[in-house]
Amino acid sequence: MKRIGIIGAGRFGMSLAESLSNAGAEVILIDRNRPAMQQADEFATALQGDATQPRVLEEAGFGECDVVVVAIGSNMEASMMATANCKELGVPNVVAKATSELHGKILRRIGADSVVYPDRDSAHRLARAIANHDVVDFLEVSEGYSIAEIDVPDGVRGKTLAEADLRRRTGVTVLCVRRASADPQKPRTVVFPQANDVIEPTDRLIVFGETKKLDELS
């Protein structure tokens, strides 16, 4: 089970927390606003606190999260401080909400691994990306269609690309394969498979198709 931290209980943060909880994630939500925390008790570990203080985040357990989403709204300074604090705690994947392109550039400069914009990225879609995929490996390229990196489905392992026939069976197209190197210290190599190439159990597939079909396949 993934442990997800969310900083900020505005409309975006609350919707994200509820969607992630429904997807089976363990959610920790922190905000200065006590009434908002009371509303979130049903689906998250809701804590009142100031995320601009590193000690507060550390004591709340944010350093043990797989992903932290900084969902603070218009307070740019607070969002930047919270982002920097999370990276200082060693959070492996920090996603930060930005209100402008400039804000997003600053967040990336101080360590955010991914930046989302509320006018382009809905909380529901982000929740699906976190719950079902690695955040950086899910991209909606047009309305209803996405590219994602997924584990090899059970019925595909050990089969050739032709035998798996994913495009006919699922409507999903395999664009390429990320294959583990024999040396675990080296990064995966990218393979553009031919029809008779066998898909290995440890492969990661880069696939394209309707977003709902990618969710079903993953």
N, C-alpha and C. Protein backbone atom coordinates (compact mmCIF):
# COMPACT_ATOMS: atom_id res chain seq x y z
N MET A 1 0.84 -1.20 0.00
CA MET A 1 0.00 0.00 0.00
C MET A 1 0.88 1.25 0.00
N LYS A 2 0.59 2.15 -0.89
CA LYS A 2 1.35 3.39 -0.93
C LYS A 2 0.94 4.32 0.20
N ARG A 3 1.92 5.04 0.72
CA ARG A 3 1.65 6.05 1.73
C ARG A 3 1.83 7.42 1.09
N ILE A 4 0.75 8.17 1.02
CA ILE A 4 0.76 9.46 0.33
C ILE A 4 0.52 10.59 1.31
N GLY A 5 1.38 11.59 1.29
CA GLY A 5 1.18 12.78 2.10
C GLY A 5 0.64 13.91 1.25
N ILE A 6 -0.30 14.67 1.80
CA ILE A 6 -0.86 15.82 1.09
C ILE A 6 -0.78 17.03 2.01
N ILE A 7 -0.22 18.10 1.50
CA ILE A 7 -0.10 19.34 2.26
C ILE A 7 -1.06 20.36 1.66
N GLY A 8 -2.07 20.74 2.43
CA GLY A 8 -3.07 21.69 1.94
C GLY A 8 -4.41 21.03 1.74
N ALA A 9 -5.43 21.52 2.47
CA ALA A 9 -6.76 20.89 2.42
C ALA A 9 -7.79 21.80 1.78
N GLY A 10 -7.37 22.47 0.68
CA GLY A 10 -8.33 23.22 -0.12
C GLY A 10 -9.13 22.25 -0.97
N ARG A 11 -9.85 22.79 -1.94
CA ARG A 11 -10.69 21.93 -2.80
C ARG A 11 -9.85 20.87 -3.51
N PHE A 12 -8.69 21.27 -4.05
CA PHE A 12 -7.83 20.34 -4.77
C PHE A 12 -7.28 19.26 -3.83
N GLY A 13 -6.72 19.68 -2.70
CA GLY A 13 -6.13 18.73 -1.77
C GLY A 13 -7.14 17.76 -1.18
N MET A 14 -8.31 18.26 -0.84
CA MET A 14 -9.35 17.39 -0.27
C MET A 14 -9.85 16.38 -1.29
N SER A 15 -10.07 16.83 -2.52
CA SER A 15 -10.54 15.92 -3.57
C SER A 15 -9.49 14.87 -3.87
N LEU A 16 -8.23 15.28 -3.90
CA LEU A 16 -7.14 14.34 -4.14
C LEU A 16 -7.05 13.31 -3.02
N ALA A 17 -7.14 13.77 -1.77
CA ALA A 17 -7.05 12.86 -0.62
C ALA A 17 -8.17 11.82 -0.65
N GLU A 18 -9.38 12.26 -0.95
CA GLU A 18 -10.51 11.33 -0.98
C GLU A 18 -10.37 10.33 -2.12
N SER A 19 -9.94 10.81 -3.29
CA SER A 19 -9.76 9.91 -4.44
C SER A 19 -8.68 8.88 -4.17
N LEU A 20 -7.58 9.30 -3.55
CA LEU A 20 -6.50 8.36 -3.23
C LEU A 20 -6.93 7.34 -2.19
N SER A 21 -7.68 7.79 -1.20
CA SER A 21 -8.18 6.88 -0.18
C SER A 21 -9.09 5.83 -0.81
N ASN A 22 -9.95 6.26 -1.72
CA ASN A 22 -10.85 5.33 -2.41
C ASN A 22 -10.08 4.34 -3.27
N ALA A 23 -8.89 4.75 -3.72
CA ALA A 23 -8.05 3.86 -4.54
C ALA A 23 -7.21 2.91 -3.69
N GLY A 24 -7.31 3.03 -2.36
CA GLY A 24 -6.64 2.09 -1.48
C GLY A 24 -5.33 2.58 -0.88
N ALA A 25 -5.01 3.86 -1.08
CA ALA A 25 -3.76 4.39 -0.52
C ALA A 25 -3.96 4.83 0.93
N GLU A 26 -2.86 4.81 1.69
CA GLU A 26 -2.86 5.38 3.03
C GLU A 26 -2.53 6.87 2.88
N VAL A 27 -3.42 7.73 3.36
CA VAL A 27 -3.28 9.17 3.11
C VAL A 27 -3.08 9.93 4.42
N ILE A 28 -2.06 10.79 4.45
CA ILE A 28 -1.83 11.72 5.55
C ILE A 28 -2.08 13.12 5.00
N LEU A 29 -2.96 13.87 5.63
CA LEU A 29 -3.31 15.21 5.16
C LEU A 29 -3.03 16.22 6.26
N ILE A 30 -2.34 17.30 5.91
CA ILE A 30 -2.03 18.32 6.90
C ILE A 30 -2.42 19.70 6.38
N ASP A 31 -2.96 20.52 7.28
CA ASP A 31 -3.36 21.88 6.93
C ASP A 31 -3.45 22.68 8.22
N ARG A 32 -3.34 23.99 8.09
CA ARG A 32 -3.47 24.84 9.27
C ARG A 32 -4.92 24.95 9.74
N ASN A 33 -5.86 24.68 8.84
CA ASN A 33 -7.28 24.91 9.09
C ASN A 33 -7.91 23.74 9.85
N ARG A 34 -8.31 23.94 11.10
CA ARG A 34 -8.88 22.86 11.90
C ARG A 34 -10.20 22.32 11.35
N PRO A 35 -11.18 23.19 10.94
CA PRO A 35 -12.44 22.66 10.40
C PRO A 35 -12.22 21.76 9.19
N ALA A 36 -11.27 22.11 8.32
CA ALA A 36 -11.00 21.27 7.16
C ALA A 36 -10.49 19.91 7.58
N MET A 37 -9.68 19.86 8.62
CA MET A 37 -9.14 18.59 9.10
C MET A 37 -10.24 17.70 9.66
N GLN A 38 -11.22 18.30 10.29
CA GLN A 38 -12.34 17.52 10.84
C GLN A 38 -13.14 16.88 9.71
N GLN A 39 -13.27 17.57 8.59
CA GLN A 39 -14.00 17.02 7.45
C GLN A 39 -13.26 15.84 6.83
N ALA A 40 -11.92 15.87 6.92
CA ALA A 40 -11.11 14.86 6.24
C ALA A 40 -10.91 13.60 7.06
N ASP A 41 -11.37 13.58 8.31
CA ASP A 41 -11.14 12.44 9.19
C ASP A 41 -11.68 11.12 8.64
N GLU A 42 -12.70 11.20 7.80
CA GLU A 42 -13.35 9.98 7.30
C GLU A 42 -12.46 9.20 6.34
N PHE A 43 -11.56 9.88 5.63
CA PHE A 43 -10.79 9.19 4.60
C PHE A 43 -9.27 9.40 4.70
N ALA A 44 -8.79 10.10 5.72
CA ALA A 44 -7.35 10.33 5.83
C ALA A 44 -6.95 10.51 7.28
N THR A 45 -5.66 10.35 7.54
CA THR A 45 -5.11 10.76 8.83
C THR A 45 -4.93 12.26 8.74
N ALA A 46 -5.83 13.00 9.36
CA ALA A 46 -5.89 14.46 9.19
C ALA A 46 -5.23 15.15 10.37
N LEU A 47 -4.26 16.00 10.08
CA LEU A 47 -3.49 16.67 11.12
C LEU A 47 -3.50 18.17 10.90
N GLN A 48 -3.64 18.91 11.98
CA GLN A 48 -3.53 20.37 11.89
C GLN A 48 -2.09 20.76 12.16
N GLY A 49 -1.49 21.56 11.27
CA GLY A 49 -0.11 21.95 11.48
C GLY A 49 0.40 22.84 10.37
N ASP A 50 1.56 23.43 10.60
CA ASP A 50 2.18 24.36 9.67
C ASP A 50 3.27 23.64 8.89
N ALA A 51 3.03 23.39 7.62
CA ALA A 51 3.96 22.62 6.78
C ALA A 51 5.21 23.41 6.41
N THR A 52 5.25 24.69 6.74
CA THR A 52 6.47 25.45 6.47
C THR A 52 7.52 25.19 7.55
N GLN A 53 7.14 24.44 8.58
CA GLN A 53 8.06 24.08 9.66
C GLN A 53 8.53 22.63 9.47
N PRO A 54 9.80 22.40 9.18
CA PRO A 54 10.28 21.04 8.91
C PRO A 54 9.97 20.07 10.04
N ARG A 55 10.07 20.51 11.28
CA ARG A 55 9.82 19.62 12.42
C ARG A 55 8.39 19.10 12.41
N VAL A 56 7.45 19.95 12.02
CA VAL A 56 6.04 19.55 11.99
C VAL A 56 5.83 18.42 10.99
N LEU A 57 6.42 18.55 9.81
CA LEU A 57 6.28 17.50 8.79
C LEU A 57 6.98 16.22 9.22
N GLU A 58 8.12 16.34 9.83
CA GLU A 58 8.86 15.16 10.28
C GLU A 58 8.07 14.40 11.33
N GLU A 59 7.53 15.11 12.31
CA GLU A 59 6.76 14.46 13.37
C GLU A 59 5.46 13.86 12.85
N ALA A 60 4.91 14.43 11.77
CA ALA A 60 3.67 13.91 11.19
C ALA A 60 3.91 12.67 10.33
N GLY A 61 5.18 12.34 10.06
CA GLY A 61 5.49 11.14 9.29
C GLY A 61 5.64 11.34 7.80
N PHE A 62 5.78 12.60 7.37
CA PHE A 62 5.88 12.85 5.93
C PHE A 62 7.20 12.32 5.35
N GLY A 63 8.22 12.18 6.18
CA GLY A 63 9.48 11.65 5.69
C GLY A 63 9.40 10.19 5.29
N GLU A 64 8.36 9.47 5.73
CA GLU A 64 8.18 8.06 5.38
C GLU A 64 7.19 7.87 4.23
N CYS A 65 6.74 8.95 3.61
CA CYS A 65 5.77 8.85 2.52
C CYS A 65 6.46 8.46 1.20
N ASP A 66 5.76 7.71 0.37
CA ASP A 66 6.26 7.38 -0.97
C ASP A 66 6.15 8.59 -1.89
N VAL A 67 5.07 9.34 -1.73
CA VAL A 67 4.82 10.54 -2.53
C VAL A 67 4.22 11.59 -1.61
N VAL A 68 4.63 12.84 -1.79
CA VAL A 68 3.98 13.95 -1.10
C VAL A 68 3.51 14.95 -2.16
N VAL A 69 2.25 15.36 -2.04
CA VAL A 69 1.69 16.37 -2.93
C VAL A 69 1.54 17.67 -2.15
N VAL A 70 2.22 18.71 -2.60
CA VAL A 70 2.08 20.03 -1.99
C VAL A 70 0.94 20.74 -2.72
N ALA A 71 -0.23 20.75 -2.08
CA ALA A 71 -1.45 21.25 -2.73
C ALA A 71 -1.84 22.62 -2.20
N ILE A 72 -0.87 23.37 -1.69
CA ILE A 72 -1.15 24.72 -1.17
C ILE A 72 -1.53 25.62 -2.33
N GLY A 73 -2.53 26.48 -2.11
CA GLY A 73 -3.07 27.29 -3.19
C GLY A 73 -2.28 28.55 -3.48
N SER A 74 -2.83 29.70 -3.08
CA SER A 74 -2.29 30.98 -3.52
C SER A 74 -1.06 31.44 -2.75
N ASN A 75 -0.75 30.82 -1.63
CA ASN A 75 0.41 31.23 -0.84
C ASN A 75 1.68 30.63 -1.43
N MET A 76 2.29 31.36 -2.36
CA MET A 76 3.44 30.84 -3.10
C MET A 76 4.62 30.55 -2.17
N GLU A 77 4.84 31.42 -1.21
CA GLU A 77 5.96 31.24 -0.29
C GLU A 77 5.79 29.96 0.53
N ALA A 78 4.58 29.72 1.01
CA ALA A 78 4.32 28.52 1.80
C ALA A 78 4.50 27.26 0.96
N SER A 79 4.05 27.30 -0.29
CA SER A 79 4.18 26.12 -1.14
C SER A 79 5.65 25.82 -1.43
N MET A 80 6.46 26.86 -1.62
CA MET A 80 7.88 26.67 -1.88
C MET A 80 8.59 26.12 -0.64
N MET A 81 8.25 26.66 0.52
CA MET A 81 8.88 26.19 1.75
C MET A 81 8.50 24.74 2.05
N ALA A 82 7.24 24.40 1.84
CA ALA A 82 6.78 23.03 2.08
C ALA A 82 7.46 22.05 1.13
N THR A 83 7.61 22.46 -0.13
CA THR A 83 8.29 21.62 -1.12
C THR A 83 9.74 21.38 -0.72
N ALA A 84 10.44 22.45 -0.35
CA ALA A 84 11.84 22.32 0.06
C ALA A 84 11.96 21.46 1.32
N ASN A 85 11.03 21.60 2.25
CA ASN A 85 11.06 20.81 3.47
C ASN A 85 10.92 19.32 3.17
N CYS A 86 10.03 18.98 2.25
CA CYS A 86 9.81 17.57 1.89
C CYS A 86 11.06 16.97 1.27
N LYS A 87 11.71 17.71 0.39
CA LYS A 87 12.94 17.18 -0.21
C LYS A 87 14.04 17.05 0.84
N GLU A 88 14.06 17.96 1.79
CA GLU A 88 15.05 17.89 2.86
C GLU A 88 14.83 16.65 3.74
N LEU A 89 13.55 16.24 3.86
CA LEU A 89 13.22 15.04 4.63
C LEU A 89 13.54 13.75 3.87
N GLY A 90 13.86 13.89 2.58
CA GLY A 90 14.20 12.72 1.78
C GLY A 90 13.02 12.06 1.10
N VAL A 91 11.90 12.79 0.93
CA VAL A 91 10.75 12.22 0.22
C VAL A 91 11.16 11.95 -1.22
N PRO A 92 10.99 10.71 -1.72
CA PRO A 92 11.49 10.36 -3.05
C PRO A 92 10.75 11.02 -4.20
N ASN A 93 9.48 11.37 -3.99
CA ASN A 93 8.70 11.94 -5.09
C ASN A 93 7.80 13.04 -4.55
N VAL A 94 8.12 14.28 -4.87
CA VAL A 94 7.33 15.43 -4.42
C VAL A 94 6.63 16.05 -5.62
N VAL A 95 5.31 16.08 -5.55
CA VAL A 95 4.49 16.70 -6.59
C VAL A 95 3.96 18.02 -6.02
N ALA A 96 4.17 19.12 -6.74
CA ALA A 96 3.76 20.42 -6.23
C ALA A 96 2.76 21.08 -7.16
N LYS A 97 1.74 21.66 -6.57
CA LYS A 97 0.73 22.40 -7.32
C LYS A 97 1.24 23.81 -7.57
N ALA A 98 1.13 24.27 -8.82
CA ALA A 98 1.58 25.61 -9.19
C ALA A 98 0.40 26.43 -9.71
N THR A 99 0.46 27.73 -9.48
CA THR A 99 -0.61 28.61 -9.93
C THR A 99 -0.23 29.38 -11.20
N SER A 100 1.03 29.23 -11.62
CA SER A 100 1.48 29.91 -12.83
C SER A 100 2.73 29.20 -13.35
N GLU A 101 3.10 29.50 -14.59
CA GLU A 101 4.31 28.90 -15.16
C GLU A 101 5.55 29.30 -14.35
N LEU A 102 5.61 30.55 -13.92
CA LEU A 102 6.74 31.02 -13.12
C LEU A 102 6.81 30.27 -11.79
N HIS A 103 5.66 30.13 -11.13
CA HIS A 103 5.59 29.37 -9.88
C HIS A 103 6.10 27.95 -10.10
N GLY A 104 5.68 27.34 -11.20
CA GLY A 104 6.10 25.98 -11.50
C GLY A 104 7.60 25.87 -11.71
N LYS A 105 8.19 26.84 -12.40
CA LYS A 105 9.63 26.83 -12.64
C LYS A 105 10.40 26.94 -11.32
N ILE A 106 9.90 27.79 -10.42
CA ILE A 106 10.55 27.95 -9.12
C ILE A 106 10.47 26.66 -8.32
N LEU A 107 9.28 26.01 -8.34
CA LEU A 107 9.10 24.77 -7.60
C LEU A 107 10.05 23.68 -8.10
N ARG A 108 10.22 23.60 -9.40
CA ARG A 108 11.16 22.62 -9.96
C ARG A 108 12.59 22.96 -9.55
N ARG A 109 12.91 24.25 -9.54
CA ARG A 109 14.27 24.66 -9.20
C ARG A 109 14.63 24.28 -7.76
N ILE A 110 13.62 24.29 -6.87
CA ILE A 110 13.93 23.98 -5.47
C ILE A 110 13.71 22.50 -5.13
N GLY A 111 13.40 21.70 -6.18
CA GLY A 111 13.41 20.26 -5.94
C GLY A 111 12.16 19.47 -6.27
N ALA A 112 11.06 20.12 -6.64
CA ALA A 112 9.84 19.36 -6.96
C ALA A 112 10.11 18.40 -8.12
N ASP A 113 9.70 17.14 -7.96
CA ASP A 113 9.91 16.14 -9.01
C ASP A 113 8.89 16.28 -10.13
N SER A 114 7.68 16.72 -9.79
CA SER A 114 6.62 16.95 -10.77
C SER A 114 5.85 18.19 -10.36
N VAL A 115 5.33 18.92 -11.34
CA VAL A 115 4.51 20.10 -11.08
C VAL A 115 3.19 19.94 -11.81
N VAL A 116 2.09 20.23 -11.12
CA VAL A 116 0.76 20.16 -11.73
C VAL A 116 0.11 21.53 -11.65
N TYR A 117 -0.77 21.79 -12.60
CA TYR A 117 -1.47 23.06 -12.67
C TYR A 117 -2.97 22.79 -12.55
N PRO A 118 -3.64 23.40 -11.58
CA PRO A 118 -5.04 23.07 -11.33
C PRO A 118 -5.97 23.32 -12.51
N ASP A 119 -5.60 24.21 -13.42
CA ASP A 119 -6.45 24.45 -14.58
C ASP A 119 -6.24 23.41 -15.67
N ARG A 120 -5.20 22.55 -15.50
CA ARG A 120 -4.92 21.53 -16.52
C ARG A 120 -4.95 20.12 -15.96
N ASP A 121 -4.74 19.95 -14.66
CA ASP A 121 -4.63 18.62 -14.06
C ASP A 121 -5.65 18.48 -12.94
N SER A 122 -6.68 17.70 -13.14
CA SER A 122 -7.68 17.53 -12.10
C SER A 122 -7.14 16.64 -10.99
N ALA A 123 -7.67 16.83 -9.78
CA ALA A 123 -7.23 16.01 -8.64
C ALA A 123 -7.52 14.54 -8.89
N HIS A 124 -8.65 14.24 -9.54
CA HIS A 124 -9.01 12.84 -9.79
C HIS A 124 -7.99 12.18 -10.69
N ARG A 125 -7.56 12.88 -11.76
CA ARG A 125 -6.59 12.29 -12.67
C ARG A 125 -5.25 12.10 -11.99
N LEU A 126 -4.84 13.06 -11.16
CA LEU A 126 -3.58 12.92 -10.43
C LEU A 126 -3.65 11.76 -9.46
N ALA A 127 -4.79 11.59 -8.79
CA ALA A 127 -4.95 10.47 -7.86
C ALA A 127 -4.79 9.14 -8.59
N ARG A 128 -5.41 9.04 -9.77
CA ARG A 128 -5.29 7.81 -10.55
C ARG A 128 -3.84 7.55 -10.93
N ALA A 129 -3.12 8.61 -11.30
CA ALA A 129 -1.72 8.46 -11.69
C ALA A 129 -0.87 7.97 -10.52
N ILE A 130 -1.10 8.54 -9.33
CA ILE A 130 -0.33 8.14 -8.16
C ILE A 130 -0.67 6.72 -7.74
N ALA A 131 -1.96 6.38 -7.75
CA ALA A 131 -2.40 5.07 -7.26
C ALA A 131 -2.02 3.94 -8.20
N ASN A 132 -2.09 4.17 -9.51
CA ASN A 132 -1.92 3.08 -10.46
C ASN A 132 -0.61 3.10 -11.23
N HIS A 133 0.08 4.21 -11.22
CA HIS A 133 1.31 4.33 -11.99
C HIS A 133 2.30 5.15 -11.18
N ASP A 134 3.54 5.19 -11.64
CA ASP A 134 4.48 6.15 -11.10
C ASP A 134 4.05 7.52 -11.64
N VAL A 135 4.13 8.54 -10.80
CA VAL A 135 3.65 9.85 -11.21
C VAL A 135 4.29 10.33 -12.49
N VAL A 136 5.58 10.15 -12.60
CA VAL A 136 6.28 10.67 -13.77
C VAL A 136 6.04 9.81 -15.01
N ASP A 137 5.34 8.69 -14.86
CA ASP A 137 5.18 7.76 -15.97
C ASP A 137 3.75 7.72 -16.50
N PHE A 138 2.99 8.77 -16.24
CA PHE A 138 1.60 8.81 -16.72
C PHE A 138 1.36 10.18 -17.32
N LEU A 139 0.97 10.23 -18.57
CA LEU A 139 0.80 11.50 -19.26
C LEU A 139 -0.45 11.46 -20.12
N GLU A 140 -1.39 12.36 -19.86
CA GLU A 140 -2.57 12.45 -20.71
C GLU A 140 -2.22 13.33 -21.90
N VAL A 141 -2.21 12.74 -23.09
CA VAL A 141 -1.77 13.48 -24.28
C VAL A 141 -2.91 14.20 -24.97
N SER A 142 -4.14 13.75 -24.76
CA SER A 142 -5.33 14.43 -25.26
C SER A 142 -6.50 13.95 -24.42
N GLU A 143 -7.64 14.55 -24.59
CA GLU A 143 -8.80 14.21 -23.77
C GLU A 143 -9.13 12.73 -23.91
N GLY A 144 -8.96 11.99 -22.81
CA GLY A 144 -9.33 10.58 -22.78
C GLY A 144 -8.26 9.62 -23.26
N TYR A 145 -7.11 10.13 -23.72
CA TYR A 145 -6.04 9.25 -24.22
C TYR A 145 -4.74 9.58 -23.49
N SER A 146 -3.99 8.52 -23.11
CA SER A 146 -2.80 8.71 -22.30
C SER A 146 -1.68 7.78 -22.73
N ILE A 147 -0.47 8.15 -22.30
CA ILE A 147 0.70 7.28 -22.38
C ILE A 147 1.06 6.92 -20.95
N ALA A 148 1.34 5.65 -20.70
CA ALA A 148 1.68 5.23 -19.34
C ALA A 148 2.76 4.16 -19.38
N GLU A 149 3.49 4.06 -18.28
CA GLU A 149 4.44 2.97 -18.09
C GLU A 149 3.84 2.02 -17.07
N ILE A 150 3.68 0.75 -17.47
CA ILE A 150 3.00 -0.21 -16.61
C ILE A 150 3.82 -1.49 -16.46
N ASP A 151 3.52 -2.25 -15.41
CA ASP A 151 4.09 -3.59 -15.28
C ASP A 151 3.49 -4.49 -16.34
N VAL A 152 4.18 -5.57 -16.67
CA VAL A 152 3.67 -6.53 -17.64
C VAL A 152 2.46 -7.25 -17.05
N PRO A 153 1.29 -7.19 -17.69
CA PRO A 153 0.10 -7.90 -17.17
C PRO A 153 0.34 -9.40 -17.10
N ASP A 154 -0.36 -10.07 -16.19
CA ASP A 154 -0.16 -11.51 -15.97
C ASP A 154 -0.28 -12.33 -17.24
N GLY A 155 -1.29 -12.06 -18.06
CA GLY A 155 -1.52 -12.89 -19.24
C GLY A 155 -0.57 -12.63 -20.39
N VAL A 156 0.37 -11.73 -20.21
CA VAL A 156 1.28 -11.33 -21.29
C VAL A 156 2.69 -11.83 -21.06
N ARG A 157 3.04 -12.12 -19.81
CA ARG A 157 4.40 -12.51 -19.47
C ARG A 157 4.84 -13.77 -20.20
N GLY A 158 6.02 -13.71 -20.80
CA GLY A 158 6.57 -14.87 -21.49
C GLY A 158 6.04 -15.07 -22.89
N LYS A 159 5.16 -14.22 -23.35
CA LYS A 159 4.61 -14.31 -24.70
C LYS A 159 5.31 -13.34 -25.63
N THR A 160 5.26 -13.63 -26.92
CA THR A 160 5.76 -12.65 -27.88
C THR A 160 4.74 -11.53 -28.01
N LEU A 161 5.18 -10.43 -28.58
CA LEU A 161 4.27 -9.31 -28.77
C LEU A 161 3.09 -9.72 -29.65
N ALA A 162 3.35 -10.57 -30.64
CA ALA A 162 2.28 -11.03 -31.51
C ALA A 162 1.30 -11.92 -30.76
N GLU A 163 1.82 -12.81 -29.92
CA GLU A 163 0.96 -13.70 -29.14
C GLU A 163 0.12 -12.93 -28.13
N ALA A 164 0.70 -11.93 -27.52
CA ALA A 164 -0.05 -11.12 -26.54
C ALA A 164 -1.17 -10.36 -27.21
N ASP A 165 -0.91 -9.85 -28.42
CA ASP A 165 -1.94 -9.19 -29.25
C ASP A 165 -2.74 -8.16 -28.45
N LEU A 166 -2.02 -7.32 -27.70
CA LEU A 166 -2.69 -6.36 -26.82
C LEU A 166 -3.56 -5.36 -27.58
N ARG A 167 -3.10 -4.97 -28.74
CA ARG A 167 -3.86 -3.96 -29.49
C ARG A 167 -5.25 -4.47 -29.86
N ARG A 168 -5.33 -5.73 -30.32
CA ARG A 168 -6.64 -6.27 -30.70
C ARG A 168 -7.48 -6.57 -29.46
N ARG A 169 -6.85 -7.13 -28.42
CA ARG A 169 -7.60 -7.56 -27.25
C ARG A 169 -8.02 -6.42 -26.34
N THR A 170 -7.18 -5.40 -26.26
CA THR A 170 -7.45 -4.33 -25.28
C THR A 170 -7.55 -2.93 -25.89
N GLY A 171 -7.12 -2.78 -27.14
CA GLY A 171 -7.11 -1.45 -27.73
C GLY A 171 -5.92 -0.62 -27.33
N VAL A 172 -4.95 -1.24 -26.62
CA VAL A 172 -3.76 -0.53 -26.13
C VAL A 172 -2.57 -0.89 -27.01
N THR A 173 -1.79 0.11 -27.39
CA THR A 173 -0.62 -0.10 -28.24
C THR A 173 0.66 -0.03 -27.43
N VAL A 174 1.53 -1.03 -27.59
CA VAL A 174 2.84 -1.02 -26.94
C VAL A 174 3.79 -0.18 -27.78
N LEU A 175 4.27 0.92 -27.22
CA LEU A 175 5.19 1.79 -27.94
C LEU A 175 6.63 1.30 -27.83
N CYS A 176 7.02 0.91 -26.64
CA CYS A 176 8.36 0.36 -26.42
C CYS A 176 8.40 -0.35 -25.08
N VAL A 177 9.54 -0.96 -24.79
CA VAL A 177 9.71 -1.72 -23.56
C VAL A 177 10.94 -1.18 -22.83
N ARG A 178 10.83 -1.02 -21.51
CA ARG A 178 12.00 -0.68 -20.69
C ARG A 178 12.44 -1.96 -19.99
N ARG A 179 13.61 -2.46 -20.39
CA ARG A 179 14.06 -3.78 -19.92
C ARG A 179 15.21 -3.64 -18.93
N ALA A 180 15.12 -4.41 -17.84
CA ALA A 180 16.14 -4.37 -16.79
C ALA A 180 17.46 -4.89 -17.33
N SER A 181 18.54 -4.22 -16.94
CA SER A 181 19.88 -4.65 -17.33
C SER A 181 20.32 -5.84 -16.48
N ALA A 182 21.25 -6.62 -17.00
CA ALA A 182 21.80 -7.73 -16.22
C ALA A 182 22.51 -7.21 -14.98
N ASP A 183 23.04 -6.01 -15.07
CA ASP A 183 23.67 -5.35 -13.92
C ASP A 183 22.63 -4.47 -13.24
N PRO A 184 22.18 -4.84 -12.02
CA PRO A 184 21.11 -4.08 -11.35
C PRO A 184 21.48 -2.62 -11.07
N GLN A 185 22.79 -2.30 -11.14
CA GLN A 185 23.22 -0.93 -10.89
C GLN A 185 23.01 -0.04 -12.11
N LYS A 186 22.81 -0.65 -13.26
CA LYS A 186 22.66 0.11 -14.49
C LYS A 186 21.17 0.38 -14.77
N PRO A 187 20.87 1.49 -15.45
CA PRO A 187 19.46 1.81 -15.74
C PRO A 187 18.88 0.85 -16.78
N ARG A 188 17.57 0.83 -16.84
CA ARG A 188 16.90 0.01 -17.85
C ARG A 188 17.23 0.50 -19.26
N THR A 189 17.24 -0.44 -20.20
CA THR A 189 17.44 -0.06 -21.61
C THR A 189 16.08 0.00 -22.30
N VAL A 190 15.99 0.81 -23.34
CA VAL A 190 14.75 0.94 -24.09
C VAL A 190 14.81 0.02 -25.30
N VAL A 191 13.78 -0.82 -25.45
CA VAL A 191 13.70 -1.77 -26.55
C VAL A 191 12.45 -1.48 -27.36
N PHE A 192 12.60 -1.42 -28.68
CA PHE A 192 11.44 -1.29 -29.56
C PHE A 192 11.14 -2.67 -30.12
N PRO A 193 10.21 -3.41 -29.49
CA PRO A 193 10.04 -4.83 -29.79
C PRO A 193 9.42 -5.10 -31.16
N GLN A 194 9.86 -6.20 -31.76
CA GLN A 194 9.25 -6.71 -32.98
C GLN A 194 8.18 -7.74 -32.60
N ALA A 195 7.41 -8.16 -33.56
CA ALA A 195 6.27 -9.05 -33.28
C ALA A 195 6.70 -10.35 -32.61
N ASN A 196 7.90 -10.86 -32.94
CA ASN A 196 8.34 -12.14 -32.39
C ASN A 196 9.21 -11.99 -31.15
N ASP A 197 9.35 -10.78 -30.61
CA ASP A 197 10.13 -10.57 -29.39
C ASP A 197 9.32 -10.98 -28.16
N VAL A 198 9.95 -11.72 -27.26
CA VAL A 198 9.28 -12.20 -26.05
C VAL A 198 9.28 -11.10 -24.99
N ILE A 199 8.12 -10.90 -24.35
CA ILE A 199 8.00 -9.93 -23.27
C ILE A 199 8.38 -10.60 -21.97
N GLU A 200 9.41 -10.08 -21.32
CA GLU A 200 9.92 -10.68 -20.09
C GLU A 200 9.11 -10.20 -18.88
N PRO A 201 8.99 -11.05 -17.85
CA PRO A 201 8.18 -10.69 -16.67
C PRO A 201 8.62 -9.41 -15.99
N THR A 202 9.93 -9.11 -16.05
CA THR A 202 10.43 -7.92 -15.35
C THR A 202 10.42 -6.66 -16.21
N ASP A 203 9.92 -6.78 -17.43
CA ASP A 203 9.86 -5.61 -18.32
C ASP A 203 8.87 -4.58 -17.79
N ARG A 204 9.02 -3.36 -18.26
CA ARG A 204 8.02 -2.31 -18.07
C ARG A 204 7.59 -1.88 -19.45
N LEU A 205 6.27 -1.81 -19.68
CA LEU A 205 5.73 -1.48 -20.99
C LEU A 205 5.34 -0.01 -21.06
N ILE A 206 5.76 0.68 -22.11
CA ILE A 206 5.29 2.03 -22.40
C ILE A 206 4.15 1.87 -23.40
N VAL A 207 2.94 2.21 -22.97
CA VAL A 207 1.76 1.93 -23.79
C VAL A 207 0.94 3.20 -24.02
N PHE A 208 0.17 3.17 -25.10
CA PHE A 208 -0.71 4.29 -25.46
C PHE A 208 -2.11 3.75 -25.71
N GLY A 209 -3.11 4.52 -25.26
CA GLY A 209 -4.49 4.13 -25.52
C GLY A 209 -5.47 4.98 -24.73
N GLU A 210 -6.73 4.57 -24.74
CA GLU A 210 -7.73 5.28 -23.95
C GLU A 210 -7.37 5.15 -22.47
N THR A 211 -7.51 6.25 -21.75
CA THR A 211 -7.12 6.27 -20.34
C THR A 211 -7.84 5.19 -19.54
N LYS A 212 -9.12 4.99 -19.79
CA LYS A 212 -9.87 3.99 -19.03
C LYS A 212 -9.36 2.58 -19.32
N LYS A 213 -8.90 2.34 -20.56
CA LYS A 213 -8.39 1.02 -20.90
C LYS A 213 -7.01 0.80 -20.27
N LEU A 214 -6.21 1.87 -20.17
CA LEU A 214 -4.93 1.74 -19.49
C LEU A 214 -5.13 1.41 -18.02
N ASP A 215 -6.13 2.03 -17.40
CA ASP A 215 -6.43 1.74 -16.00
C ASP A 215 -6.83 0.28 -15.83
N GLU A 216 -7.66 -0.22 -16.74
CA GLU A 216 -8.11 -1.62 -16.66
C GLU A 216 -6.92 -2.57 -16.85
N LEU A 217 -6.03 -2.24 -17.78
CA LEU A 217 -4.89 -3.11 -18.06
C LEU A 217 -3.90 -3.13 -16.92
N SER A 218 -3.69 -1.97 -16.27
CA SER A 218 -2.70 -1.89 -15.19
C SER A 218 -3.23 -2.46 -13.89
